[in-house]
């Protein structure tokens, strides 16, 4: 299902004004990936990138074409683990925070 323009604009506006929202959005995307919900994880990462850095700037940081990054994180995309972790690492660097993984029972 495609996102409406209002929804995208709402995400972008909140992303720009709320650092805690930015952290939570990236955290949620990574948590989905770790839980095996790859489709949702990629979707959340796309929202994060579109609301903030954009695929063009991310392409410069990763030395990958923006179109290739968009395909990787698209609904049919299947990024290699190395590419996925590089993207997450660059996003963390740019935002100035680091996610940590911990075991929970």
PDB file of N, CA and C in Angstrom:
ATOM      1  N   UNK A   1       0.847  -1.174   0.000  1.00  0.00           N
ATOM      2  CA  UNK A   1       0.000   0.000   0.000  1.00  0.00           C
ATOM      3  C   UNK A   1       0.895   1.241   0.000  1.00  0.00           C
ATOM      4  N   UNK A   2       0.635   2.155  -0.876  1.00  0.00           N
ATOM      5  CA  UNK A   2       1.407   3.386  -0.972  1.00  0.00           C
ATOM      6  C   UNK A   2       1.015   4.344   0.157  1.00  0.00           C
ATOM      7  N   UNK A   3       2.015   5.067   0.638  1.00  0.00           N
ATOM      8  CA  UNK A   3       1.741   6.060   1.673  1.00  0.00           C
ATOM      9  C   UNK A   3       1.161   7.315   1.042  1.00  0.00           C
ATOM     10  N   UNK A   4       0.262   7.952   1.740  1.00  0.00           N
ATOM     11  CA  UNK A   4      -0.303   9.194   1.230  1.00  0.00           C
ATOM     12  C   UNK A   4       0.688  10.320   1.427  1.00  0.00           C
ATOM     13  N   UNK A   5       0.538  11.361   0.653  1.00  0.00           N
ATOM     14  CA  UNK A   5       1.431  12.512   0.746  1.00  0.00           C
ATOM     15  C   UNK A   5       1.360  13.133   2.144  1.00  0.00           C
ATOM     16  N   UNK A   6       0.171  13.225   2.728  1.00  0.00           N
ATOM     17  CA  UNK A   6       0.023  13.799   4.066  1.00  0.00           C
ATOM     18  C   UNK A   6       0.803  12.993   5.097  1.00  0.00           C
ATOM     19  N   UNK A   7       0.756  11.669   4.989  1.00  0.00           N
ATOM     20  CA  UNK A   7       1.476  10.826   5.932  1.00  0.00           C
ATOM     21  C   UNK A   7       2.981  11.057   5.808  1.00  0.00           C
ATOM     22  N   UNK A   8       3.477  11.074   4.574  1.00  0.00           N
ATOM     23  CA  UNK A   8       4.908  11.315   4.349  1.00  0.00           C
ATOM     24  C   UNK A   8       5.327  12.677   4.892  1.00  0.00           C
ATOM     25  N   UNK A   9       4.519  13.688   4.658  1.00  0.00           N
ATOM     26  CA  UNK A   9       4.837  15.024   5.153  1.00  0.00           C
ATOM     27  C   UNK A   9       4.797  15.078   6.675  1.00  0.00           C
ATOM     28  N   UNK A  10       3.873  14.349   7.289  1.00  0.00           N
ATOM     29  CA  UNK A  10       3.779  14.295   8.742  1.00  0.00           C
ATOM     30  C   UNK A  10       5.021  13.642   9.330  1.00  0.00           C
ATOM     31  N   UNK A  11       5.458  12.530   8.736  1.00  0.00           N
ATOM     32  CA  UNK A  11       6.675  11.845   9.192  1.00  0.00           C
ATOM     33  C   UNK A  11       7.872  12.787   9.060  1.00  0.00           C
ATOM     34  N   UNK A  12       8.005  13.440   7.922  1.00  0.00           N
ATOM     35  CA  UNK A  12       9.141  14.332   7.686  1.00  0.00           C
ATOM     36  C   UNK A  12       9.143  15.500   8.677  1.00  0.00           C
ATOM     37  N   UNK A  13       7.988  16.094   8.928  1.00  0.00           N
ATOM     38  CA  UNK A  13       7.905  17.223   9.860  1.00  0.00           C
ATOM     39  C   UNK A  13       8.302  16.790  11.268  1.00  0.00           C
ATOM     40  N   UNK A  14       7.807  15.657  11.705  1.00  0.00           N
ATOM     41  CA  UNK A  14       8.150  15.184  13.048  1.00  0.00           C
ATOM     42  C   UNK A  14       9.617  14.787  13.120  1.00  0.00           C
ATOM     43  N   UNK A  15      10.118  14.177  12.058  1.00  0.00           N
ATOM     44  CA  UNK A  15      11.515  13.771  11.986  1.00  0.00           C
ATOM     45  C   UNK A  15      12.432  14.983  12.174  1.00  0.00           C
ATOM     46  N   UNK A  16      12.074  16.089  11.532  1.00  0.00           N
ATOM     47  CA  UNK A  16      12.907  17.290  11.581  1.00  0.00           C
ATOM     48  C   UNK A  16      12.904  17.953  12.948  1.00  0.00           C
ATOM     49  N   UNK A  17      11.812  17.854  13.690  1.00  0.00           N
ATOM     50  CA  UNK A  17      11.721  18.591  14.954  1.00  0.00           C
ATOM     51  C   UNK A  17      11.951  17.740  16.207  1.00  0.00           C
ATOM     52  N   UNK A  18      11.989  16.410  16.068  1.00  0.00           N
ATOM     53  CA  UNK A  18      11.999  15.547  17.248  1.00  0.00           C
ATOM     54  C   UNK A  18      13.125  14.503  17.186  1.00  0.00           C
ATOM     55  N   UNK A  19      14.269  14.785  17.822  1.00  0.00           N
ATOM     56  CA  UNK A  19      15.388  13.833  17.801  1.00  0.00           C
ATOM     57  C   UNK A  19      15.024  12.458  18.372  1.00  0.00           C
ATOM     58  N   UNK A  20      14.168  12.425  19.389  1.00  0.00           N
ATOM     59  CA  UNK A  20      13.765  11.140  19.974  1.00  0.00           C
ATOM     60  C   UNK A  20      12.977  10.312  18.962  1.00  0.00           C
ATOM     61  N   UNK A  21      12.188  10.967  18.131  1.00  0.00           N
ATOM     62  CA  UNK A  21      11.438  10.272  17.089  1.00  0.00           C
ATOM     63  C   UNK A  21      12.399   9.659  16.070  1.00  0.00           C
ATOM     64  N   UNK A  22      13.442  10.421  15.704  1.00  0.00           N
ATOM     65  CA  UNK A  22      14.438   9.902  14.757  1.00  0.00           C
ATOM     66  C   UNK A  22      15.076   8.630  15.304  1.00  0.00           C
ATOM     67  N   UNK A  23      15.493   8.684  16.569  1.00  0.00           N
ATOM     68  CA  UNK A  23      16.108   7.508  17.187  1.00  0.00           C
ATOM     69  C   UNK A  23      15.137   6.336  17.216  1.00  0.00           C
ATOM     70  N   UNK A  24      13.906   6.596  17.610  1.00  0.00           N
ATOM     71  CA  UNK A  24      12.910   5.529  17.719  1.00  0.00           C
ATOM     72  C   UNK A  24      12.603   4.914  16.356  1.00  0.00           C
ATOM     73  N   UNK A  25      12.573   5.729  15.323  1.00  0.00           N
ATOM     74  CA  UNK A  25      12.275   5.226  13.982  1.00  0.00           C
ATOM     75  C   UNK A  25      13.381   4.285  13.503  1.00  0.00           C
ATOM     76  N   UNK A  26      14.634   4.688  13.670  1.00  0.00           N
ATOM     77  CA  UNK A  26      15.736   3.819  13.265  1.00  0.00           C
ATOM     78  C   UNK A  26      15.764   2.559  14.127  1.00  0.00           C
ATOM     79  N   UNK A  27      15.562   2.731  15.422  1.00  0.00           N
ATOM     80  CA  UNK A  27      15.531   1.581  16.322  1.00  0.00           C
ATOM     81  C   UNK A  27      14.443   0.585  15.914  1.00  0.00           C
ATOM     82  N   UNK A  28      13.270   1.085  15.585  1.00  0.00           N
ATOM     83  CA  UNK A  28      12.163   0.215  15.181  1.00  0.00           C
ATOM     84  C   UNK A  28      12.497  -0.545  13.913  1.00  0.00           C
ATOM     85  N   UNK A  29      13.112   0.128  12.961  1.00  0.00           N
ATOM     86  CA  UNK A  29      13.493  -0.546  11.722  1.00  0.00           C
ATOM     87  C   UNK A  29      14.466  -1.689  11.977  1.00  0.00           C
ATOM     88  N   UNK A  30      15.464  -1.441  12.802  1.00  0.00           N
ATOM     89  CA  UNK A  30      16.456  -2.476  13.114  1.00  0.00           C
ATOM     90  C   UNK A  30      15.822  -3.605  13.921  1.00  0.00           C
ATOM     91  N   UNK A  31      14.951  -3.273  14.870  1.00  0.00           N
ATOM     92  CA  UNK A  31      14.270  -4.313  15.648  1.00  0.00           C
ATOM     93  C   UNK A  31      13.431  -5.222  14.748  1.00  0.00           C
ATOM     94  N   UNK A  32      12.758  -4.637  13.773  1.00  0.00           N
ATOM     95  CA  UNK A  32      11.979  -5.456  12.832  1.00  0.00           C
ATOM     96  C   UNK A  32      12.894  -6.402  12.064  1.00  0.00           C
ATOM     97  N   UNK A  33      14.024  -5.898  11.602  1.00  0.00           N
ATOM     98  CA  UNK A  33      14.966  -6.750  10.877  1.00  0.00           C
ATOM     99  C   UNK A  33      15.458  -7.890  11.758  1.00  0.00           C
ATOM    100  N   UNK A  34      15.822  -7.579  12.999  1.00  0.00           N
ATOM    101  CA  UNK A  34      16.318  -8.606  13.918  1.00  0.00           C
ATOM    102  C   UNK A  34      15.251  -9.635  14.269  1.00  0.00           C
ATOM    103  N   UNK A  35      13.995  -9.227  14.247  1.00  0.00           N
ATOM    104  CA  UNK A  35      12.893 -10.141  14.547  1.00  0.00           C
ATOM    105  C   UNK A  35      12.484 -10.974  13.333  1.00  0.00           C
ATOM    106  N   UNK A  36      13.119 -10.720  12.196  1.00  0.00           N
ATOM    107  CA  UNK A  36      12.802 -11.478  10.997  1.00  0.00           C
ATOM    108  C   UNK A  36      11.734 -10.860  10.121  1.00  0.00           C
ATOM    109  N   UNK A  37      11.228  -9.692  10.489  1.00  0.00           N
ATOM    110  CA  UNK A  37      10.232  -8.997   9.680  1.00  0.00           C
ATOM    111  C   UNK A  37      10.960  -8.039   8.737  1.00  0.00           C
ATOM    112  N   UNK A  38      11.591  -8.632   7.735  1.00  0.00           N
ATOM    113  CA  UNK A  38      12.454  -7.876   6.830  1.00  0.00           C
ATOM    114  C   UNK A  38      11.671  -6.835   6.037  1.00  0.00           C
ATOM    115  N   UNK A  39      10.488  -7.179   5.577  1.00  0.00           N
ATOM    116  CA  UNK A  39       9.697  -6.235   4.775  1.00  0.00           C
ATOM    117  C   UNK A  39       9.391  -4.969   5.560  1.00  0.00           C
ATOM    118  N   UNK A  40       8.954  -5.121   6.801  1.00  0.00           N
ATOM    119  CA  UNK A  40       8.645  -3.946   7.619  1.00  0.00           C
ATOM    120  C   UNK A  40       9.920  -3.191   7.963  1.00  0.00           C
ATOM    121  N   UNK A  41      10.983  -3.914   8.291  1.00  0.00           N
ATOM    122  CA  UNK A  41      12.254  -3.265   8.612  1.00  0.00           C
ATOM    123  C   UNK A  41      12.763  -2.409   7.468  1.00  0.00           C
ATOM    124  N   UNK A  42      12.714  -2.944   6.252  1.00  0.00           N
ATOM    125  CA  UNK A  42      13.153  -2.166   5.088  1.00  0.00           C
ATOM    126  C   UNK A  42      12.252  -0.960   4.873  1.00  0.00           C
ATOM    127  N   UNK A  43      10.965  -1.140   5.068  1.00  0.00           N
ATOM    128  CA  UNK A  43      10.018  -0.043   4.896  1.00  0.00           C
ATOM    129  C   UNK A  43      10.295   1.090   5.883  1.00  0.00           C
ATOM    130  N   UNK A  44      10.554   0.742   7.126  1.00  0.00           N
ATOM    131  CA  UNK A  44      10.845   1.756   8.147  1.00  0.00           C
ATOM    132  C   UNK A  44      12.164   2.451   7.822  1.00  0.00           C
ATOM    133  N   UNK A  45      13.171   1.692   7.380  1.00  0.00           N
ATOM    134  CA  UNK A  45      14.442   2.315   6.990  1.00  0.00           C
ATOM    135  C   UNK A  45      14.240   3.277   5.821  1.00  0.00           C
ATOM    136  N   UNK A  46      13.408   2.895   4.854  1.00  0.00           N
ATOM    137  CA  UNK A  46      13.101   3.805   3.729  1.00  0.00           C
ATOM    138  C   UNK A  46      12.460   5.088   4.228  1.00  0.00           C
ATOM    139  N   UNK A  47      11.495   4.966   5.149  1.00  0.00           N
ATOM    140  CA  UNK A  47      10.859   6.160   5.718  1.00  0.00           C
ATOM    141  C   UNK A  47      11.895   7.038   6.411  1.00  0.00           C
ATOM    142  N   UNK A  48      12.780   6.408   7.179  1.00  0.00           N
ATOM    143  CA  UNK A  48      13.825   7.141   7.896  1.00  0.00           C
ATOM    144  C   UNK A  48      14.714   7.903   6.907  1.00  0.00           C
ATOM    145  N   UNK A  49      15.138   7.222   5.861  1.00  0.00           N
ATOM    146  CA  UNK A  49      16.022   7.842   4.871  1.00  0.00           C
ATOM    147  C   UNK A  49      15.298   8.957   4.124  1.00  0.00           C
ATOM    148  N   UNK A  50      14.081   8.698   3.676  1.00  0.00           N
ATOM    149  CA  UNK A  50      13.324   9.710   2.940  1.00  0.00           C
ATOM    150  C   UNK A  50      13.027  10.943   3.787  1.00  0.00           C
ATOM    151  N   UNK A  51      12.782  10.756   5.072  1.00  0.00           N
ATOM    152  CA  UNK A  51      12.460  11.888   5.942  1.00  0.00           C
ATOM    153  C   UNK A  51      13.696  12.692   6.309  1.00  0.00           C
ATOM    154  N   UNK A  52      14.859  12.081   6.226  1.00  0.00           N
ATOM    155  CA  UNK A  52      16.066  12.758   6.686  1.00  0.00           C
ATOM    156  C   UNK A  52      17.121  12.933   5.616  1.00  0.00           C
ATOM    157  N   UNK A  53      18.068  12.051   5.613  1.00  0.00           N
ATOM    158  CA  UNK A  53      19.266  12.166   4.783  1.00  0.00           C
ATOM    159  C   UNK A  53      18.977  12.130   3.288  1.00  0.00           C
ATOM    160  N   UNK A  54      18.023  11.345   2.868  1.00  0.00           N
ATOM    161  CA  UNK A  54      17.730  11.171   1.450  1.00  0.00           C
ATOM    162  C   UNK A  54      18.679  10.154   0.826  1.00  0.00           C
ATOM    163  N   UNK A  55      18.228   9.521  -0.237  1.00  0.00           N
ATOM    164  CA  UNK A  55      19.023   8.469  -0.870  1.00  0.00           C
ATOM    165  C   UNK A  55      20.246   9.018  -1.588  1.00  0.00           C
ATOM    166  N   UNK A  56      20.191  10.235  -2.065  1.00  0.00           N
ATOM    167  CA  UNK A  56      21.351  10.810  -2.763  1.00  0.00           C
ATOM    168  C   UNK A  56      22.524  10.968  -1.792  1.00  0.00           C
ATOM    169  N   UNK A  57      22.275  11.574  -0.637  1.00  0.00           N
ATOM    170  CA  UNK A  57      23.357  11.763   0.337  1.00  0.00           C
ATOM    171  C   UNK A  57      23.840  10.422   0.886  1.00  0.00           C
ATOM    172  N   UNK A  58      22.910   9.502   1.156  1.00  0.00           N
ATOM    173  CA  UNK A  58      23.301   8.180   1.639  1.00  0.00           C
ATOM    174  C   UNK A  58      24.177   7.471   0.605  1.00  0.00           C
ATOM    175  N   UNK A  59      23.844   7.645  -0.662  1.00  0.00           N
ATOM    176  CA  UNK A  59      24.670   7.065  -1.722  1.00  0.00           C
ATOM    177  C   UNK A  59      26.096   7.578  -1.674  1.00  0.00           C
ATOM    178  N   UNK A  60      26.252   8.863  -1.394  1.00  0.00           N
ATOM    179  CA  UNK A  60      27.597   9.424  -1.268  1.00  0.00           C
ATOM    180  C   UNK A  60      28.356   8.852  -0.084  1.00  0.00           C
ATOM    181  N   UNK A  61      27.664   8.635   1.014  1.00  0.00           N
ATOM    182  CA  UNK A  61      28.310   8.089   2.212  1.00  0.00           C
ATOM    183  C   UNK A  61      28.688   6.613   2.057  1.00  0.00           C
ATOM    184  N   UNK A  62      27.892   5.877   1.291  1.00  0.00           N
ATOM    185  CA  UNK A  62      28.129   4.439   1.137  1.00  0.00           C
ATOM    186  C   UNK A  62      28.862   4.099  -0.161  1.00  0.00           C
ATOM    187  N   UNK A  63      29.057   5.103  -1.012  1.00  0.00           N
ATOM    188  CA  UNK A  63      29.660   4.911  -2.329  1.00  0.00           C
ATOM    189  C   UNK A  63      28.851   3.928  -3.178  1.00  0.00           C
ATOM    190  N   UNK A  64      27.531   4.012  -3.039  1.00  0.00           N
ATOM    191  CA  UNK A  64      26.608   3.207  -3.837  1.00  0.00           C
ATOM    192  C   UNK A  64      25.629   4.170  -4.519  1.00  0.00           C
ATOM    193  N   UNK A  65      25.115   3.752  -5.647  1.00  0.00           N
ATOM    194  CA  UNK A  65      24.192   4.646  -6.345  1.00  0.00           C
ATOM    195  C   UNK A  65      22.887   4.751  -5.556  1.00  0.00           C
ATOM    196  N   UNK A  66      22.295   5.943  -5.532  1.00  0.00           N
ATOM    197  CA  UNK A  66      21.009   6.112  -4.846  1.00  0.00           C
ATOM    198  C   UNK A  66      19.949   5.146  -5.360  1.00  0.00           C
ATOM    199  N   UNK A  67      19.921   4.911  -6.664  1.00  0.00           N
ATOM    200  CA  UNK A  67      18.925   3.992  -7.229  1.00  0.00           C
ATOM    201  C   UNK A  67      19.144   2.577  -6.722  1.00  0.00           C
ATOM    202  N   UNK A  68      20.391   2.172  -6.590  1.00  0.00           N
ATOM    203  CA  UNK A  68      20.694   0.841  -6.072  1.00  0.00           C
ATOM    204  C   UNK A  68      20.227   0.715  -4.622  1.00  0.00           C
ATOM    205  N   UNK A  69      20.455   1.759  -3.822  1.00  0.00           N
ATOM    206  CA  UNK A  69      20.001   1.754  -2.432  1.00  0.00           C
ATOM    207  C   UNK A  69      18.475   1.689  -2.360  1.00  0.00           C
ATOM    208  N   UNK A  70      17.805   2.439  -3.232  1.00  0.00           N
ATOM    209  CA  UNK A  70      16.342   2.411  -3.255  1.00  0.00           C
ATOM    210  C   UNK A  70      15.831   1.017  -3.603  1.00  0.00           C
ATOM    211  N   UNK A  71      16.480   0.372  -4.567  1.00  0.00           N
ATOM    212  CA  UNK A  71      16.071  -0.987  -4.941  1.00  0.00           C
ATOM    213  C   UNK A  71      16.296  -1.957  -3.785  1.00  0.00           C
ATOM    214  N   UNK A  72      17.450  -1.845  -3.118  1.00  0.00           N
ATOM    215  CA  UNK A  72      17.755  -2.731  -1.995  1.00  0.00           C
ATOM    216  C   UNK A  72      16.672  -2.679  -0.923  1.00  0.00           C
ATOM    217  N   UNK A  73      16.207  -1.475  -0.637  1.00  0.00           N
ATOM    218  CA  UNK A  73      15.243  -1.291   0.438  1.00  0.00           C
ATOM    219  C   UNK A  73      13.802  -1.283  -0.058  1.00  0.00           C
ATOM    220  N   UNK A  74      13.620  -1.528  -1.340  1.00  0.00           N
ATOM    221  CA  UNK A  74      12.279  -1.595  -1.910  1.00  0.00           C
ATOM    222  C   UNK A  74      11.593  -2.909  -1.553  1.00  0.00           C
ATOM    223  N   UNK A  75      10.303  -3.016  -1.839  1.00  0.00           N
ATOM    224  CA  UNK A  75       9.532  -4.217  -1.483  1.00  0.00           C
ATOM    225  C   UNK A  75      10.111  -5.519  -2.048  1.00  0.00           C
ATOM    226  N   UNK A  76      10.683  -5.475  -3.232  1.00  0.00           N
ATOM    227  CA  UNK A  76      11.264  -6.677  -3.840  1.00  0.00           C
ATOM    228  C   UNK A  76      12.766  -6.777  -3.613  1.00  0.00           C
ATOM    229  N   UNK A  77      13.353  -5.780  -2.942  1.00  0.00           N
ATOM    230  CA  UNK A  77      14.792  -5.757  -2.725  1.00  0.00           C
ATOM    231  C   UNK A  77      15.255  -6.842  -1.764  1.00  0.00           C
ATOM    232  N   UNK A  78      16.489  -7.277  -1.969  1.00  0.00           N
ATOM    233  CA  UNK A  78      17.080  -8.306  -1.125  1.00  0.00           C
ATOM    234  C   UNK A  78      18.536  -7.926  -0.871  1.00  0.00           C
ATOM    235  N   UNK A  79      18.762  -6.918   0.009  1.00  0.00           N
ATOM    236  CA  UNK A  79      20.137  -6.450   0.215  1.00  0.00           C
ATOM    237  C   UNK A  79      20.991  -7.502   0.915  1.00  0.00           C
ATOM    238  N   UNK A  80      22.271  -7.536   0.538  1.00  0.00           N
ATOM    239  CA  UNK A  80      23.213  -8.393   1.256  1.00  0.00           C
ATOM    240  C   UNK A  80      23.366  -7.839   2.668  1.00  0.00           C
ATOM    241  N   UNK A  81      23.700  -8.711   3.594  1.00  0.00           N
ATOM    242  CA  UNK A  81      23.865  -8.289   4.990  1.00  0.00           C
ATOM    243  C   UNK A  81      24.895  -7.175   5.103  1.00  0.00           C
ATOM    244  N   UNK A  82      25.982  -7.286   4.367  1.00  0.00           N
ATOM    245  CA  UNK A  82      27.019  -6.249   4.417  1.00  0.00           C
ATOM    246  C   UNK A  82      26.485  -4.889   4.018  1.00  0.00           C
ATOM    247  N   UNK A  83      25.676  -4.842   2.969  1.00  0.00           N
ATOM    248  CA  UNK A  83      25.090  -3.578   2.528  1.00  0.00           C
ATOM    249  C   UNK A  83      24.115  -3.037   3.566  1.00  0.00           C
ATOM    250  N   UNK A  84      23.297  -3.922   4.118  1.00  0.00           N
ATOM    251  CA  UNK A  84      22.305  -3.502   5.101  1.00  0.00           C
ATOM    252  C   UNK A  84      22.974  -2.918   6.344  1.00  0.00           C
ATOM    253  N   UNK A  85      24.001  -3.598   6.839  1.00  0.00           N
ATOM    254  CA  UNK A  85      24.687  -3.106   8.034  1.00  0.00           C
ATOM    255  C   UNK A  85      25.479  -1.832   7.752  1.00  0.00           C
ATOM    256  N   UNK A  86      26.008  -1.700   6.537  1.00  0.00           N
ATOM    257  CA  UNK A  86      26.680  -0.449   6.184  1.00  0.00           C
ATOM    258  C   UNK A  86      25.689   0.714   6.187  1.00  0.00           C
ATOM    259  N   UNK A  87      24.507   0.498   5.625  1.00  0.00           N
ATOM    260  CA  UNK A  87      23.475   1.536   5.610  1.00  0.00           C
ATOM    261  C   UNK A  87      23.121   1.938   7.038  1.00  0.00           C
ATOM    262  N   UNK A  88      22.862   0.959   7.885  1.00  0.00           N
ATOM    263  CA  UNK A  88      22.505   1.245   9.284  1.00  0.00           C
ATOM    264  C   UNK A  88      23.642   1.970   9.991  1.00  0.00           C
ATOM    265  N   UNK A  89      24.865   1.532   9.751  1.00  0.00           N
ATOM    266  CA  UNK A  89      26.024   2.189  10.361  1.00  0.00           C
ATOM    267  C   UNK A  89      26.165   3.637   9.935  1.00  0.00           C
ATOM    268  N   UNK A  90      25.995   3.910   8.656  1.00  0.00           N
ATOM    269  CA  UNK A  90      26.099   5.297   8.149  1.00  0.00           C
ATOM    270  C   UNK A  90      24.975   6.170   8.699  1.00  0.00           C
ATOM    271  N   UNK A  91      23.792   5.606   8.815  1.00  0.00           N
ATOM    272  CA  UNK A  91      22.680   6.381   9.374  1.00  0.00           C
ATOM    273  C   UNK A  91      22.956   6.736  10.837  1.00  0.00           C
ATOM    274  N   UNK A  92      23.491   5.793  11.591  1.00  0.00           N
ATOM    275  CA  UNK A  92      23.823   6.069  12.991  1.00  0.00           C
ATOM    276  C   UNK A  92      24.898   7.164  13.081  1.00  0.00           C
ATOM    277  N   UNK A  93      25.933   7.055  12.271  1.00  0.00           N
ATOM    278  CA  UNK A  93      26.996   8.064  12.269  1.00  0.00           C
ATOM    279  C   UNK A  93      26.435   9.443  11.975  1.00  0.00           C
ATOM    280  N   UNK A  94      25.596   9.526  10.964  1.00  0.00           N
ATOM    281  CA  UNK A  94      25.048  10.825  10.562  1.00  0.00           C
ATOM    282  C   UNK A  94      24.162  11.423  11.644  1.00  0.00           C
ATOM    283  N   UNK A  95      23.405  10.570  12.325  1.00  0.00           N
ATOM    284  CA  UNK A  95      22.498  11.055  13.366  1.00  0.00           C
ATOM    285  C   UNK A  95      23.206  11.298  14.695  1.00  0.00           C
ATOM    286  N   UNK A  96      24.393  10.745  14.869  1.00  0.00           N
ATOM    287  CA  UNK A  96      25.153  10.993  16.087  1.00  0.00           C
ATOM    288  C   UNK A  96      24.742  10.137  17.271  1.00  0.00           C
ATOM    289  N   UNK A  97      24.196   8.969  17.008  1.00  0.00           N
ATOM    290  CA  UNK A  97      23.896   8.034  18.088  1.00  0.00           C
ATOM    291  C   UNK A  97      24.212   6.628  17.599  1.00  0.00           C
ATOM    292  N   UNK A  98      24.285   5.691  18.553  1.00  0.00           N
ATOM    293  CA  UNK A  98      24.621   4.307  18.241  1.00  0.00           C
ATOM    294  C   UNK A  98      23.598   3.400  18.888  1.00  0.00           C
ATOM    295  N   UNK A  99      23.042   2.509  18.108  1.00  0.00           N
ATOM    296  CA  UNK A  99      22.108   1.523  18.640  1.00  0.00           C
ATOM    297  C   UNK A  99      22.903   0.382  19.270  1.00  0.00           C
ATOM    298  N   UNK A 100      22.348  -0.194  20.329  1.00  0.00           N
ATOM    299  CA  UNK A 100      22.978  -1.346  20.969  1.00  0.00           C
ATOM    300  C   UNK A 100      21.999  -2.504  20.980  1.00  0.00           C
ATOM    301  N   UNK A 101      22.527  -3.697  20.862  1.00  0.00           N
ATOM    302  CA  UNK A 101      21.710  -4.905  20.893  1.00  0.00           C
ATOM    303  C   UNK A 101      21.907  -5.552  22.266  1.00  0.00           C
ATOM    304  N   UNK A 102      20.812  -5.981  22.862  1.00  0.00           N
ATOM    305  CA  UNK A 102      20.906  -6.691  24.135  1.00  0.00           C
ATOM    306  C   UNK A 102      19.884  -7.808  24.143  1.00  0.00           C
ATOM    307  N   UNK A 103      20.209  -8.862  24.875  1.00  0.00           N
ATOM    308  CA  UNK A 103      19.310 -10.000  24.977  1.00  0.00           C
ATOM    309  C   UNK A 103      18.220  -9.712  26.001  1.00  0.00           C
ATOM    310  N   UNK A 104      17.003 -10.100  25.663  1.00  0.00           N
ATOM    311  CA  UNK A 104      15.857  -9.928  26.552  1.00  0.00           C
ATOM    312  C   UNK A 104      15.106 -11.249  26.603  1.00  0.00           C
ATOM    313  N   UNK A 105      14.758 -11.692  27.788  1.00  0.00           N
ATOM    314  CA  UNK A 105      13.985 -12.938  27.932  1.00  0.00           C
ATOM    315  C   UNK A 105      12.538 -12.608  28.196  1.00  0.00           C
TER     316      UNK A 105
END
